[in-house]
Each structure stands twice: as C-alpha cells, then as structure tokens.
Amino acid sequence: MRTISTIEVDANGMSFTADASPRTGADLVLFLHGFPQTRYAWRAELPVLADAGFDVCAPDQRGYSAGARPSDIDDYRMELIVADVVALADSLAAPRFHLVGHDWGGQIAWITAALHPDRVRSLAVLSRPHPAAFVQALRADAAQSRRSGHHQSFLRPEATDELLADDAATLRRIYDRSGVPPADADAYLEILGAWAPLDAAVNWYRAAGRSSIKAADVAGASVPTIYVWGDADATVGRSAAEATASMVEGPYRFVELAGVGHFITDEAPGAVAPLLLEHLGAG
C-alpha cells in the first residue's frame, strides 16, 4: 500500500498544503475540493488510486492553504485559481494530468479542461454541472435558482462572521443537512473553523463576478469526461445535471447516484473511487 503524506507544493508564487503520494513519474491525478470542504474530501479516493499505480495529489486550494492566502477579493478570481491548477501540475512535473473536481473544484476543473485541453488527460467532476449548463439552468429553471440562493448570501461582508457564530453553528447545519457525518464536519472545521481561511474561501463567491472568465462562455470539454451527480443534491437539480451532456464534445459518461446528495465523497465514500478507476482506464 502506497503512503499518502501531507506535503507543501510551491506553485504560482505560493505554498499549497496537499495530501499526496510520492511522485514516481506515473500519470498524475490532481484532486480539487469544493466549499465548505478541504483536501480531506478526497481521503477515500487517494489511497485507492495510488495503489492502482497513479500518482495522486489533493491540495488545499487558494485561501484554504495558509501559504496561499492572499488578502484581496480580486485575488480569488477564477482565472487565478485555474492558473494555480496548472502551476501545481508544473511543480509536480506533470506536463499532462488527470483532473478531478467537486463543487467549486468542479467549476475550476471544467474551466481548466476547456482552457488547457493540451494539459488535461481526462476530467472527472462531482456534483457541479458544466458552468454554461449551470447558467442555462439558472435562467430557465426557477427551482434551480432557488437551490442556488446561498450563493448570493455569501457576497455580503458579514457572511463569514455569520457562518462562524456560535461555534460555527450555521456551517455545522450545512454539513448536517447535507449528510456529512459529524466527525467529517469536525475535520473540515479544523481549517474552516478559523476566520481567515473561511473568509478566503467565501471570497471565491465574492470574486466570481469580477472574473474575466464568464461561466456562460466556458467552452465544452473535449477530453474524456465523467460527471457524477446525486439525485438528492439540494443545490444542483436535474435540469442542470442533464444539460451538462450538451457541453462535452469528447467521450462522456453521466453517472447518477440514487439517494445521494451534494457531498458525494462524504455520503458515499466507497462509490467514487471505482468510478474513477473505470474512467481513468478508459481515459
């Protein structure tokens, strides 16, 4: 069994804390977490893929890593976070790499694959639809607009304080209502229970409208792609999930998990790794 260790990866002028296998020169699988999560989201997948012969790395992304936490909202624009992904791969000596993302990490993964198809071998996204499909659903489906209402609430300056008040009671409710076990919520709060990293994480939402990348204009993925969606997802409805197929130009597989919500790796920790192994074998 290969060892997964916590390391620091220097990339894009910053230092990212990551869980990773030793670099052997095998194909790299880079994992991008969502909100409100950390690299801990991939705890079940990393050892399985490493034992299958892949090099794996799951960083705490910009703002989540203490060494990669700029102070300005503009520092969290999507084009800068995409640049982090490419720089991390460069630092890990991976000219081409497989990319896996969930939630916000999924958004960044879709965009990275669209902008850098020469770098991304294959794409796997959990929960988050293709950005353009998501925008279409928000415009056409009132139910999807209601599901995404929390995005607007995060834009307010007081959002971070509200999430952390009373021992992070609001964050804990988010985890609980999403089926995240209490022990896993505690693991996420080891980082996000402090004001600075949580405020930086919320800055991803605040900076989205300032980005030069417009979600509606993101091109379709041309690399082999798998999209995994739980039909009990409270934030992503069926219309957005199914519309994603129209935004993939390469080989595509859509996997629907019955009774599973948004936080797939927490609710169904044994479900994702086999899907990734099948996908990577085909990709």
Protein backbone atom coordinates (compact mmCIF):
# COMPACT_ATOMS: atom_id res chain seq x y z
CA MET A 1 0.00 0.00 0.00
CA ARG A 2 1.48 3.35 -1.05
CA THR A 3 1.82 6.06 1.55
CA ILE A 4 -0.20 9.27 1.37
CA SER A 5 1.66 12.10 3.10
CA THR A 6 0.97 15.76 3.75
CA ILE A 7 3.41 17.93 1.83
CA GLU A 8 3.89 21.52 0.70
CA VAL A 9 3.84 22.23 -3.04
CA ASP A 10 5.28 25.54 -4.26
CA ALA A 11 3.24 26.86 -7.18
CA ASN A 12 2.30 30.24 -8.61
CA GLY A 13 4.45 32.01 -6.02
CA MET A 14 2.65 30.37 -3.08
CA SER A 15 2.82 27.23 -0.97
CA PHE A 16 -0.07 24.76 -1.05
CA THR A 17 -0.63 22.15 1.63
CA ALA A 18 -1.52 18.86 -0.05
CA ASP A 19 -2.06 15.18 0.60
CA ALA A 20 -0.08 13.27 -1.99
CA SER A 21 1.66 10.04 -2.88
CA PRO A 22 5.39 10.07 -3.62
CA ARG A 23 6.00 11.28 -7.17
CA THR A 24 7.10 8.32 -9.33
CA GLY A 25 6.55 9.71 -12.80
CA ALA A 26 3.30 7.79 -13.23
CA ASP A 27 0.21 9.58 -14.52
CA LEU A 28 -0.80 12.31 -12.06
CA VAL A 29 -4.37 12.62 -10.78
CA LEU A 30 -4.98 16.07 -9.31
CA PHE A 31 -7.99 16.49 -6.99
CA LEU A 32 -9.78 19.82 -6.37
CA HIS A 33 -12.11 20.13 -3.38
CA GLY A 34 -15.20 22.31 -3.05
CA PHE A 35 -16.79 24.51 -0.37
CA PRO A 36 -17.02 24.17 2.58
CA GLN A 37 -14.51 21.36 2.34
CA THR A 38 -10.75 20.84 2.20
CA ARG A 39 -8.34 18.26 0.81
CA TYR A 40 -9.85 15.91 3.41
CA ALA A 41 -12.77 15.42 0.98
CA TRP A 42 -10.58 13.01 -1.04
CA ARG A 43 -9.40 10.82 1.85
CA ALA A 44 -11.13 7.68 0.47
CA GLU A 45 -10.06 8.14 -3.14
CA LEU A 46 -6.36 8.98 -2.82
CA PRO A 47 -5.09 5.64 -1.46
CA VAL A 48 -7.17 3.59 -3.88
CA LEU A 49 -5.87 5.41 -6.93
CA ALA A 50 -2.32 5.45 -5.58
CA ASP A 51 -2.44 1.69 -5.04
CA ALA A 52 -3.69 1.33 -8.62
CA GLY A 53 -0.45 2.91 -9.84
CA PHE A 54 -1.33 6.58 -10.21
CA ASP A 55 0.47 9.49 -8.59
CA VAL A 56 -2.13 11.49 -6.67
CA CYS A 57 -2.28 14.96 -5.15
CA ALA A 58 -5.12 16.78 -3.36
CA PRO A 59 -4.19 20.33 -2.35
CA ASP A 60 -5.96 22.71 -0.05
CA GLN A 61 -6.69 25.32 -2.67
CA ARG A 62 -6.09 29.08 -2.75
CA GLY A 63 -7.22 30.62 0.52
CA TYR A 64 -7.55 27.26 2.25
CA SER A 65 -3.77 26.73 2.43
CA ALA A 66 -2.06 29.03 4.93
CA GLY A 67 0.77 29.62 2.47
CA ALA A 68 -1.59 30.50 -0.37
CA ARG A 69 -3.92 33.02 1.22
CA PRO A 70 -3.79 36.47 -0.43
CA SER A 71 -5.89 39.17 1.23
CA ASP A 72 -7.76 40.88 -1.62
CA ILE A 73 -11.06 39.63 -3.02
CA ASP A 74 -9.72 40.10 -6.56
CA ASP A 75 -7.04 37.53 -5.76
CA TYR A 76 -9.75 34.85 -5.85
CA ARG A 77 -10.89 35.36 -9.44
CA MET A 78 -11.37 32.14 -11.35
CA GLU A 79 -8.58 32.77 -13.86
CA LEU A 80 -6.08 32.93 -10.99
CA ILE A 81 -7.32 29.71 -9.44
CA VAL A 82 -7.13 27.97 -12.83
CA ALA A 83 -3.55 29.21 -13.06
CA ASP A 84 -2.90 27.58 -9.67
CA VAL A 85 -4.02 24.22 -11.07
CA VAL A 86 -1.63 24.41 -14.00
CA ALA A 87 1.19 25.65 -11.77
CA LEU A 88 0.64 22.79 -9.32
CA ALA A 89 0.92 20.31 -12.19
CA ASP A 90 4.09 22.05 -13.34
CA SER A 91 5.57 21.80 -9.84
CA LEU A 92 4.72 18.10 -9.78
CA ALA A 93 6.46 17.61 -13.14
CA ALA A 94 3.25 16.59 -14.90
CA PRO A 95 3.01 18.04 -18.43
CA ARG A 96 -0.34 16.24 -18.69
CA PHE A 97 -2.58 15.14 -15.83
CA HIS A 98 -5.99 13.75 -14.94
CA LEU A 99 -8.23 16.25 -13.17
CA VAL A 100 -10.94 15.51 -10.60
CA GLY A 101 -13.10 18.23 -9.03
CA HIS A 102 -16.10 18.64 -6.77
CA ASP A 103 -18.38 21.66 -6.28
CA TRP A 104 -16.21 24.79 -6.68
CA GLY A 105 -13.33 22.48 -7.50
CA GLY A 106 -15.55 21.06 -10.22
CA GLN A 107 -16.17 24.54 -11.63
CA ILE A 108 -12.43 25.14 -11.79
CA ALA A 109 -11.88 21.68 -13.29
CA TRP A 110 -14.38 22.34 -16.11
CA ILE A 111 -12.70 25.66 -16.90
CA THR A 112 -9.18 24.23 -16.73
CA ALA A 113 -10.12 21.45 -19.15
CA ALA A 114 -11.70 23.99 -21.52
CA LEU A 115 -8.72 26.36 -21.45
CA HIS A 116 -5.93 23.78 -21.30
CA PRO A 117 -7.01 20.65 -23.22
CA ASP A 118 -3.37 20.07 -24.07
CA ARG A 119 -2.62 19.60 -20.36
CA VAL A 120 -5.67 17.69 -19.12
CA ARG A 121 -5.73 13.99 -19.99
CA SER A 122 -9.21 13.36 -18.62
CA LEU A 123 -11.81 15.08 -16.50
CA ALA A 124 -14.00 13.83 -13.65
CA VAL A 125 -16.46 16.18 -11.95
CA LEU A 126 -18.70 15.51 -8.97
CA SER A 127 -21.93 17.46 -8.38
CA ARG A 128 -21.06 20.68 -10.20
CA PRO A 129 -22.53 20.89 -13.72
CA HIS A 130 -20.63 22.41 -16.62
CA PRO A 131 -20.60 26.20 -15.97
CA ALA A 132 -22.56 27.08 -19.13
CA ALA A 133 -25.14 24.37 -18.42
CA PHE A 134 -25.47 25.70 -14.88
CA VAL A 135 -26.11 29.24 -16.16
CA GLN A 136 -28.72 27.94 -18.60
CA ALA A 137 -30.49 26.12 -15.79
CA LEU A 138 -30.38 29.17 -13.52
CA ARG A 139 -32.05 31.24 -16.25
CA ALA A 140 -34.64 28.69 -17.33
CA ASP A 141 -35.45 26.78 -14.14
CA ALA A 142 -36.85 28.72 -11.18
CA ALA A 143 -36.24 25.71 -8.95
CA GLN A 144 -32.52 25.77 -9.75
CA SER A 145 -32.39 29.48 -8.99
CA ARG A 146 -33.87 28.79 -5.55
CA ARG A 147 -31.41 25.95 -4.97
CA SER A 148 -28.53 28.36 -5.61
CA GLY A 149 -29.79 31.18 -3.40
CA HIS A 150 -26.98 30.69 -0.89
CA HIS A 151 -24.51 32.00 -3.48
CA GLN A 152 -25.92 35.50 -3.10
CA SER A 153 -25.88 35.37 0.69
CA PHE A 154 -22.13 34.72 0.65
CA LEU A 155 -21.47 38.02 -1.13
CA ARG A 156 -22.21 40.05 1.99
CA PRO A 157 -19.22 41.21 4.11
CA GLU A 158 -20.79 39.75 7.25
CA ALA A 159 -21.22 36.26 5.77
CA THR A 160 -18.02 34.88 7.31
CA ASP A 161 -18.91 36.05 10.81
CA GLU A 162 -22.41 34.60 10.48
CA LEU A 163 -21.08 31.21 9.39
CA LEU A 164 -18.72 31.06 12.38
CA ALA A 165 -21.05 32.42 15.07
CA ASP A 166 -21.93 30.13 17.99
CA ASP A 167 -19.16 27.60 17.34
CA ALA A 168 -19.80 27.63 13.59
CA ALA A 169 -23.45 26.67 14.10
CA THR A 170 -24.50 27.69 10.57
CA LEU A 171 -21.65 25.80 8.95
CA ARG A 172 -22.44 22.76 11.08
CA ARG A 173 -26.09 22.92 9.93
CA ILE A 174 -24.91 22.99 6.30
CA TYR A 175 -22.89 19.85 6.89
CA ASP A 176 -25.65 18.11 8.83
CA ARG A 177 -28.39 18.87 6.30
CA SER A 178 -26.10 17.66 3.53
CA GLY A 179 -25.46 14.28 5.11
CA VAL A 180 -21.87 14.98 6.18
CA PRO A 181 -21.12 12.89 9.29
CA PRO A 182 -20.21 14.96 12.39
CA ALA A 183 -16.66 13.57 12.53
CA ASP A 184 -16.06 14.66 8.94
CA ALA A 185 -17.56 18.08 9.62
CA ASP A 186 -15.10 18.43 12.50
CA ALA A 187 -12.24 17.54 10.14
CA TYR A 188 -13.27 20.28 7.71
CA LEU A 189 -13.61 22.75 10.57
CA GLU A 190 -10.03 22.11 11.65
CA ILE A 191 -9.26 24.55 8.82
CA LEU A 192 -12.53 26.33 8.08
CA GLY A 193 -13.40 26.90 11.73
CA ALA A 194 -10.97 29.85 11.76
CA TRP A 195 -11.90 33.25 10.35
CA ALA A 196 -9.00 33.81 7.91
CA PRO A 197 -9.31 30.60 5.86
CA LEU A 198 -13.11 30.70 5.89
CA ASP A 199 -13.19 34.32 4.72
CA ALA A 200 -10.73 33.45 1.96
CA ALA A 201 -12.94 30.52 0.94
CA VAL A 202 -16.01 32.76 0.83
CA ASN A 203 -14.01 35.17 -1.33
CA TRP A 204 -14.31 32.65 -4.16
CA TYR A 205 -18.01 33.60 -4.31
CA ARG A 206 -17.34 37.32 -3.89
CA ALA A 207 -14.78 37.33 -6.70
CA ALA A 208 -16.75 35.27 -9.20
CA GLY A 209 -18.46 38.28 -10.75
CA ARG A 210 -15.13 40.07 -11.12
CA SER A 211 -13.51 37.29 -13.11
CA SER A 212 -12.58 37.70 -16.76
CA ILE A 213 -13.99 34.19 -17.21
CA LYS A 214 -17.76 34.22 -17.71
CA ALA A 215 -19.43 30.93 -16.87
CA ALA A 216 -21.85 31.16 -19.79
CA ASP A 217 -18.93 31.39 -22.23
CA VAL A 218 -16.89 28.41 -20.99
CA ALA A 219 -16.29 26.02 -23.89
CA GLY A 220 -17.29 22.40 -23.83
CA ALA A 221 -14.88 19.75 -22.60
CA SER A 222 -13.05 17.91 -25.37
CA VAL A 223 -11.27 15.37 -23.17
CA PRO A 224 -12.77 12.10 -21.86
CA THR A 225 -15.19 13.18 -19.13
CA ILE A 226 -17.27 11.60 -16.38
CA TYR A 227 -19.86 13.62 -14.48
CA VAL A 228 -21.25 12.17 -11.23
CA TRP A 229 -24.43 13.62 -9.72
CA GLY A 230 -26.54 12.52 -6.76
CA ASP A 231 -30.26 12.75 -7.37
CA ALA A 232 -30.79 14.02 -3.79
CA ASP A 233 -28.50 17.02 -4.37
CA ALA A 234 -30.16 20.01 -2.69
CA THR A 235 -28.15 22.58 -4.67
CA VAL A 236 -27.98 21.09 -8.18
CA GLY A 237 -31.21 19.98 -9.83
CA ARG A 238 -31.79 17.51 -12.64
CA SER A 239 -32.13 20.17 -15.35
CA ALA A 240 -28.59 21.45 -14.78
CA ALA A 241 -27.16 17.96 -14.36
CA GLU A 242 -28.68 16.60 -17.56
CA ALA A 243 -27.84 19.74 -19.57
CA THR A 244 -24.16 19.08 -18.93
CA ALA A 245 -24.10 16.40 -21.65
CA SER A 246 -24.52 19.10 -24.31
CA MET A 247 -21.34 20.78 -23.08
CA VAL A 248 -19.00 17.80 -23.57
CA GLU A 249 -17.53 17.29 -27.02
CA GLY A 250 -15.36 14.29 -26.16
CA PRO A 251 -16.24 10.85 -24.75
CA TYR A 252 -18.75 11.33 -21.94
CA ARG A 253 -20.32 9.31 -19.14
CA PHE A 254 -23.04 10.57 -16.81
CA VAL A 255 -23.45 8.63 -13.54
CA GLU A 256 -26.50 9.28 -11.38
CA LEU A 257 -26.27 8.12 -7.76
CA ALA A 258 -29.67 7.37 -6.26
CA GLY A 259 -30.37 8.86 -2.85
CA VAL A 260 -27.03 10.69 -2.64
CA GLY A 261 -26.76 14.43 -2.11
CA HIS A 262 -24.21 17.11 -2.94
CA PHE A 263 -21.30 15.95 -0.76
CA ILE A 264 -20.79 12.66 -2.55
CA THR A 265 -17.43 11.65 -1.10
CA ASP A 266 -18.77 12.16 2.44
CA GLU A 267 -22.14 10.48 1.95
CA ALA A 268 -20.95 7.62 -0.25
CA PRO A 269 -17.19 7.33 0.32
CA GLY A 270 -16.93 3.96 -1.39
CA ALA A 271 -18.74 4.96 -4.56
CA VAL A 272 -16.34 7.33 -6.26
CA ALA A 273 -13.01 5.51 -6.43
CA PRO A 274 -14.30 2.59 -8.55
CA LEU A 275 -15.90 5.06 -10.97
CA LEU A 276 -12.60 6.94 -11.24
CA LEU A 277 -10.63 3.75 -11.87
CA GLU A 278 -13.01 2.78 -14.69
CA HIS A 279 -12.83 6.30 -16.12
CA LEU A 280 -9.06 6.55 -15.94
CA GLY A 281 -8.71 3.17 -17.57
CA ALA A 282 -10.78 4.45 -20.48
CA GLY A 283 -9.23 7.93 -20.42
